[in-house]
Amino acid sequence: MTRKSGFTLIELLVVIAIIAILAAIIFPVFMRAKDSAYRSGDMSNMNSIRNALQLYRADQEAYPPQILGYASFYDPAMTQVIPASNLRAALYPKRLDSIQTIRPAYDRNTETDLTEARWPARDSRPDGTAPIKDLDGNGIIEPGLAKDDPSQARQAYSTNMYFCTNTPTCASFATATQGDGARFYKVSGYDVSEVKVAPPNSTPATRWELRYTLRWTSYAMGGGNRMDDPRQLIYSDPPDDTVITWDSWFRDYDIGNLPQHNKKDFVLFLGGGARTYDSAIIADRSWRVTPIP
């Protein structure tokens, strides 16, 4: 009699266990590599957006109201939306030839998905306690409502208010509520961005926030003031540390859906390339952040 050789049950189980261990090692490495590639791509796209904005400003002597543009429709009843890739907007396709440049890697919405957007959070530090610029011109950056941190030079509205434009359905910036705010393309992920809502059992579980705007302070909403924060694109010569937009699609959240203190956001400043930034700080201060930290 001849004896046929083969795997025993124990040998087969050992092989399966080894494969499972290798998969458990390889898959996280693969996901980290994929995430790293997405991050690099988003940073490159943000730098392309900055270059396109500078070209637009050189031609038009001002920055555009939005990066991609507000939603457009085929019909007056606004029921048939024009796909984002069919737009002829401020930067696309003349200065940005791909809609993917405006869409972050983790933004998987279609080109006809629309949303209204709320203002992001206001700086939670009390008015008058956190000056950033020498607004009164005395050569010293000092706290105080009458000095370099007046409340009117702070962000005008917060997450309870929707962003709007002065249209027949939205009377003013100060009256925007759900249903009459400006409508954005969800693929325009540097105009608006989706974030989680705290606490975790909130309904809905996420909200869309504004990321790019020409003006954001109370002074700017009222026409401007010499004591205003100059870091707004509505002004003729905003400084290099003006925030253009930020990428919050890579954020890590804690169990309460609050952004964690790690550098997972990318902030695009006017005078330089996109850089990593503490997610919790940018979520708390929005356009008031500076290149440091």
Protein backbone atom coordinates (compact mmCIF):
# COMPACT_ATOMS: atom_id res chain seq x y z
CA MET A 1 0.00 0.00 0.00
CA THR A 2 1.12 3.55 -0.79
CA ARG A 3 0.55 6.36 1.67
CA LYS A 4 -0.68 9.73 0.24
CA SER A 5 0.93 12.77 1.81
CA GLY A 6 -1.10 15.91 2.64
CA PHE A 7 -1.73 18.61 5.19
CA THR A 8 -2.99 17.63 8.57
CA LEU A 9 -5.77 19.64 10.18
CA ILE A 10 -3.31 21.22 12.62
CA GLU A 11 -0.99 22.29 9.79
CA LEU A 12 -3.92 23.80 7.90
CA LEU A 13 -5.04 25.75 10.98
CA VAL A 14 -1.49 27.02 11.51
CA VAL A 15 -1.32 28.30 7.92
CA ILE A 16 -4.68 30.03 8.28
CA ALA A 17 -3.55 31.64 11.55
CA ILE A 18 -0.34 32.90 9.91
CA ILE A 19 -2.32 34.40 7.01
CA ALA A 20 -4.68 36.10 9.46
CA ILE A 21 -1.76 37.57 11.41
CA LEU A 22 -0.09 38.86 8.23
CA ALA A 23 -3.40 40.38 7.06
CA ALA A 24 -3.83 42.11 10.43
CA ILE A 25 -0.36 43.63 9.99
CA ILE A 26 -0.63 44.53 6.32
CA PHE A 27 -4.12 46.05 6.21
CA PRO A 28 -3.43 48.89 8.71
CA VAL A 29 -0.17 49.66 6.87
CA PHE A 30 -2.07 49.77 3.59
CA MET A 31 -4.73 52.06 5.08
CA ARG A 32 -2.07 54.40 6.49
CA ALA A 33 -0.36 54.54 3.11
CA LYS A 34 -3.68 55.26 1.41
CA ASP A 35 -4.50 57.98 3.95
CA SER A 36 -1.04 59.51 3.50
CA ALA A 37 -1.52 59.60 -0.27
CA TYR A 38 -4.92 61.27 0.17
CA ARG A 39 -3.40 63.85 2.50
CA SER A 40 -0.59 64.65 0.07
CA GLY A 41 -3.09 64.97 -2.77
CA ASP A 42 -5.31 67.33 -0.79
CA MET A 43 -2.39 69.53 0.20
CA SER A 44 -1.26 69.73 -3.42
CA ASN A 45 -4.79 70.64 -4.51
CA MET A 46 -5.03 73.35 -1.86
CA ASN A 47 -1.82 74.90 -3.10
CA SER A 48 -3.23 74.83 -6.64
CA ILE A 49 -6.33 76.63 -5.37
CA ARG A 50 -4.17 79.32 -3.79
CA ASN A 51 -2.31 79.85 -7.07
CA ALA A 52 -5.60 80.03 -8.96
CA LEU A 53 -6.95 82.61 -6.52
CA GLN A 54 -3.88 84.77 -6.99
CA LEU A 55 -4.26 84.60 -10.77
CA TYR A 56 -7.93 85.54 -10.46
CA ARG A 57 -7.06 88.50 -8.24
CA ALA A 58 -4.40 89.68 -10.69
CA ASP A 59 -7.02 89.66 -13.46
CA GLN A 60 -10.04 90.93 -11.54
CA GLU A 61 -8.39 92.98 -8.76
CA ALA A 62 -10.44 91.08 -6.17
CA TYR A 63 -10.97 87.56 -4.90
CA PRO A 64 -13.99 85.52 -6.07
CA PRO A 65 -17.01 85.14 -3.77
CA GLN A 66 -16.53 81.35 -3.71
CA ILE A 67 -13.93 78.87 -4.94
CA LEU A 68 -16.28 76.84 -7.12
CA GLY A 69 -19.40 78.97 -7.00
CA TYR A 70 -22.95 78.76 -5.73
CA ALA A 71 -25.27 76.09 -7.10
CA SER A 72 -26.72 76.79 -10.57
CA PHE A 73 -29.85 75.34 -12.12
CA TYR A 74 -31.20 74.59 -15.59
CA ASP A 75 -34.71 75.83 -14.80
CA PRO A 76 -36.18 78.90 -13.03
CA ALA A 77 -37.93 76.67 -10.50
CA MET A 78 -34.47 75.49 -9.34
CA THR A 79 -35.33 71.79 -9.52
CA GLN A 80 -32.74 70.62 -12.09
CA VAL A 81 -29.26 71.34 -10.84
CA ILE A 82 -26.36 71.81 -13.25
CA PRO A 83 -23.61 69.25 -12.41
CA ALA A 84 -20.55 70.87 -10.88
CA SER A 85 -18.29 69.76 -13.75
CA ASN A 86 -20.55 71.61 -16.22
CA LEU A 87 -20.17 74.95 -14.47
CA ARG A 88 -18.31 77.92 -15.81
CA ALA A 89 -17.31 79.39 -12.46
CA ALA A 90 -14.72 81.85 -11.18
CA LEU A 91 -11.81 79.39 -11.00
CA TYR A 92 -13.17 76.33 -12.80
CA PRO A 93 -12.39 75.41 -15.56
CA LYS A 94 -10.29 78.42 -16.64
CA ARG A 95 -7.78 78.34 -13.79
CA LEU A 96 -8.47 74.89 -12.32
CA ASP A 97 -9.00 72.34 -15.06
CA SER A 98 -10.25 69.46 -12.89
CA ILE A 99 -13.21 69.36 -10.53
CA GLN A 100 -11.17 66.87 -8.46
CA THR A 101 -8.87 69.73 -7.43
CA ILE A 102 -11.81 71.31 -5.59
CA ARG A 103 -13.06 68.02 -4.13
CA PRO A 104 -11.11 66.60 -1.13
CA ALA A 105 -10.19 62.92 -1.35
CA TYR A 106 -12.72 61.84 1.30
CA ASP A 107 -15.55 63.91 -0.19
CA ARG A 108 -17.54 61.20 -2.01
CA ASN A 109 -20.63 63.23 -2.91
CA THR A 110 -21.97 63.46 -6.46
CA GLU A 111 -21.69 66.54 -8.64
CA THR A 112 -25.37 67.39 -8.14
CA ASP A 113 -25.53 67.00 -4.34
CA LEU A 114 -26.27 70.38 -2.74
CA THR A 115 -26.20 71.72 0.80
CA GLU A 116 -26.66 74.82 2.85
CA ALA A 117 -23.79 75.64 5.20
CA ARG A 118 -23.65 77.01 8.71
CA TRP A 119 -20.96 79.32 9.96
CA PRO A 120 -18.20 77.48 11.86
CA ALA A 121 -17.65 78.05 15.57
CA ARG A 122 -16.62 81.49 16.84
CA ASP A 123 -13.45 81.89 18.86
CA SER A 124 -14.47 80.67 22.32
CA ARG A 125 -12.01 82.94 24.14
CA PRO A 126 -13.74 85.96 25.70
CA ASP A 127 -13.81 89.17 23.66
CA GLY A 128 -10.91 91.43 24.50
CA THR A 129 -8.64 88.65 25.80
CA ALA A 130 -6.95 87.28 22.66
CA PRO A 131 -5.58 90.04 20.39
CA ILE A 132 -3.91 88.92 17.18
CA LYS A 133 -3.07 92.13 15.32
CA ASP A 134 -2.17 95.68 16.30
CA LEU A 135 -5.54 97.11 15.30
CA ASP A 136 -5.30 100.49 17.01
CA GLY A 137 -1.93 101.30 15.43
CA ASN A 138 0.08 102.00 18.59
CA GLY A 139 2.73 99.39 17.76
CA ILE A 140 1.71 96.99 20.54
CA ILE A 141 -0.57 93.95 20.38
CA GLU A 142 -2.50 94.30 23.63
CA PRO A 143 -5.78 92.94 25.02
CA GLY A 144 -8.88 95.01 25.61
CA LEU A 145 -12.17 95.74 23.86
CA ALA A 146 -11.04 99.30 23.19
CA LYS A 147 -7.60 98.20 22.04
CA ASP A 148 -6.70 95.28 19.79
CA ASP A 149 -9.50 92.78 20.38
CA PRO A 150 -12.86 94.52 19.95
CA SER A 151 -15.88 92.25 19.62
CA GLN A 152 -16.75 93.79 16.23
CA ALA A 153 -13.43 92.50 14.85
CA ARG A 154 -14.44 88.96 15.84
CA GLN A 155 -16.42 86.48 13.74
CA ALA A 156 -19.97 87.80 13.37
CA TYR A 157 -22.01 84.58 13.37
CA SER A 158 -21.66 81.04 14.67
CA THR A 159 -23.02 77.55 14.08
CA ASN A 160 -26.63 78.50 14.82
CA MET A 161 -26.70 80.66 11.67
CA TYR A 162 -26.66 79.61 8.01
CA PHE A 163 -24.52 81.44 5.49
CA CYS A 164 -26.50 83.37 2.92
CA THR A 165 -26.20 85.96 0.21
CA ASN A 166 -28.41 88.98 -0.31
CA THR A 167 -31.01 87.31 -2.49
CA PRO A 168 -34.82 87.49 -2.50
CA THR A 169 -35.01 84.33 -0.37
CA CYS A 170 -32.34 85.45 2.10
CA ALA A 171 -32.63 89.05 3.19
CA SER A 172 -29.25 89.47 4.89
CA PHE A 173 -26.35 87.70 6.54
CA ALA A 174 -28.04 88.16 9.91
CA THR A 175 -31.34 86.46 9.02
CA ALA A 176 -30.14 83.23 7.41
CA THR A 177 -31.95 80.16 8.74
CA GLN A 178 -32.38 76.65 7.40
CA GLY A 179 -34.15 76.73 4.06
CA ASP A 180 -33.07 80.16 2.88
CA GLY A 181 -29.28 79.96 3.04
CA ALA A 182 -27.00 79.90 0.02
CA ARG A 183 -26.73 76.50 -1.65
CA PHE A 184 -23.33 74.99 -2.36
CA TYR A 185 -22.14 71.94 -4.25
CA LYS A 186 -21.03 69.32 -1.73
CA VAL A 187 -18.10 68.40 -3.97
CA SER A 188 -16.75 71.91 -3.40
CA GLY A 189 -15.07 70.72 -0.24
CA TYR A 190 -12.96 73.84 0.29
CA ASP A 191 -16.00 76.13 0.12
CA VAL A 192 -17.92 74.00 2.63
CA SER A 193 -17.13 70.89 4.67
CA GLU A 194 -19.01 68.20 6.58
CA VAL A 195 -18.16 67.75 10.26
CA LYS A 196 -19.53 65.65 13.11
CA VAL A 197 -21.93 67.18 15.62
CA ALA A 198 -21.57 66.86 19.37
CA PRO A 199 -23.06 65.13 21.29
CA PRO A 200 -23.01 61.86 19.28
CA ASN A 201 -26.78 61.33 19.56
CA SER A 202 -27.55 64.65 17.84
CA THR A 203 -29.96 64.70 14.91
CA PRO A 204 -28.58 65.12 12.33
CA ALA A 205 -25.23 63.58 13.24
CA THR A 206 -23.27 65.91 10.93
CA ARG A 207 -23.51 69.45 9.63
CA TRP A 208 -21.99 71.37 6.74
CA GLU A 209 -19.84 74.38 7.64
CA LEU A 210 -18.51 77.32 5.65
CA ARG A 211 -14.80 77.27 4.86
CA TYR A 212 -14.16 80.04 2.32
CA THR A 213 -15.61 83.52 2.61
CA LEU A 214 -14.49 87.02 1.72
CA ARG A 215 -15.54 88.52 5.06
CA TRP A 216 -16.37 87.16 8.48
CA THR A 217 -16.24 89.92 11.13
CA SER A 218 -19.05 92.23 12.27
CA TYR A 219 -17.06 95.25 11.07
CA ALA A 220 -16.63 93.73 7.60
CA MET A 221 -20.32 92.86 7.38
CA GLY A 222 -21.08 96.53 8.05
CA GLY A 223 -18.77 97.90 5.38
CA GLY A 224 -15.40 97.84 7.13
CA ASN A 225 -13.53 99.76 9.82
CA ARG A 226 -9.93 100.78 10.42
CA MET A 227 -10.01 98.74 13.64
CA ASP A 228 -11.13 95.59 11.83
CA ASP A 229 -9.09 92.40 11.51
CA PRO A 230 -7.34 92.92 8.14
CA ARG A 231 -7.08 89.17 7.49
CA GLN A 232 -10.14 89.05 5.24
CA LEU A 233 -10.18 88.64 1.48
CA ILE A 234 -12.69 91.47 1.04
CA TYR A 235 -9.98 94.02 1.88
CA SER A 236 -7.60 95.34 -0.77
CA ASP A 237 -4.34 94.00 0.65
CA PRO A 238 -4.87 91.20 3.20
CA PRO A 239 -1.66 90.05 4.95
CA ASP A 240 0.08 86.75 4.34
CA ASP A 241 -1.39 85.12 7.47
CA THR A 242 -4.95 85.47 6.14
CA VAL A 243 -6.77 82.12 6.22
CA ILE A 244 -8.15 81.16 2.80
CA THR A 245 -9.75 77.84 3.75
CA TRP A 246 -9.06 74.67 5.70
CA ASP A 247 -9.42 70.94 5.09
CA SER A 248 -11.20 69.17 7.97
CA TRP A 249 -11.94 65.86 6.23
CA PHE A 250 -9.17 63.99 8.08
CA ARG A 251 -10.18 64.91 11.63
CA ASP A 252 -10.16 62.43 14.49
CA TYR A 253 -13.02 62.81 16.98
CA ASP A 254 -13.30 61.66 20.58
CA ILE A 255 -16.27 59.72 21.93
CA GLY A 256 -18.16 63.00 22.35
CA ASN A 257 -17.64 63.90 18.66
CA LEU A 258 -15.27 66.73 19.58
CA PRO A 259 -12.15 67.16 17.38
CA GLN A 260 -9.05 65.74 19.02
CA HIS A 261 -5.86 67.72 19.60
CA ASN A 262 -3.77 66.34 16.75
CA LYS A 263 -2.57 67.89 13.52
CA LYS A 264 -5.06 66.35 11.12
CA ASP A 265 -6.47 69.55 9.55
CA PHE A 266 -4.76 71.50 6.76
CA VAL A 267 -4.97 75.28 6.79
CA LEU A 268 -4.26 77.27 3.63
CA PHE A 269 -2.80 80.70 4.33
CA LEU A 270 -2.63 83.45 1.75
CA GLY A 271 1.13 83.87 1.94
CA GLY A 272 2.21 80.24 1.77
CA GLY A 273 1.29 76.64 1.17
CA ALA A 274 -1.14 74.49 3.08
CA ARG A 275 0.17 73.27 6.43
CA THR A 276 -0.95 70.80 9.06
CA TYR A 277 -2.82 72.30 12.00
CA ASP A 278 -4.28 71.20 15.31
CA SER A 279 -7.84 70.09 14.54
CA ALA A 280 -9.26 71.19 17.90
CA ILE A 281 -7.79 74.70 17.60
CA ILE A 282 -9.01 75.36 14.05
CA ALA A 283 -12.43 73.97 15.00
CA ASP A 284 -12.58 76.39 17.93
CA ARG A 285 -11.18 79.57 16.30
CA SER A 286 -11.89 79.24 12.56
CA TRP A 287 -10.43 82.20 10.61
CA ARG A 288 -8.78 83.66 13.71
CA VAL A 289 -5.99 81.08 13.73
CA THR A 290 -2.46 82.17 12.85
CA PRO A 291 0.34 80.20 11.15
CA ILE A 292 1.64 79.29 14.65
CA PRO A 293 1.10 76.65 16.06
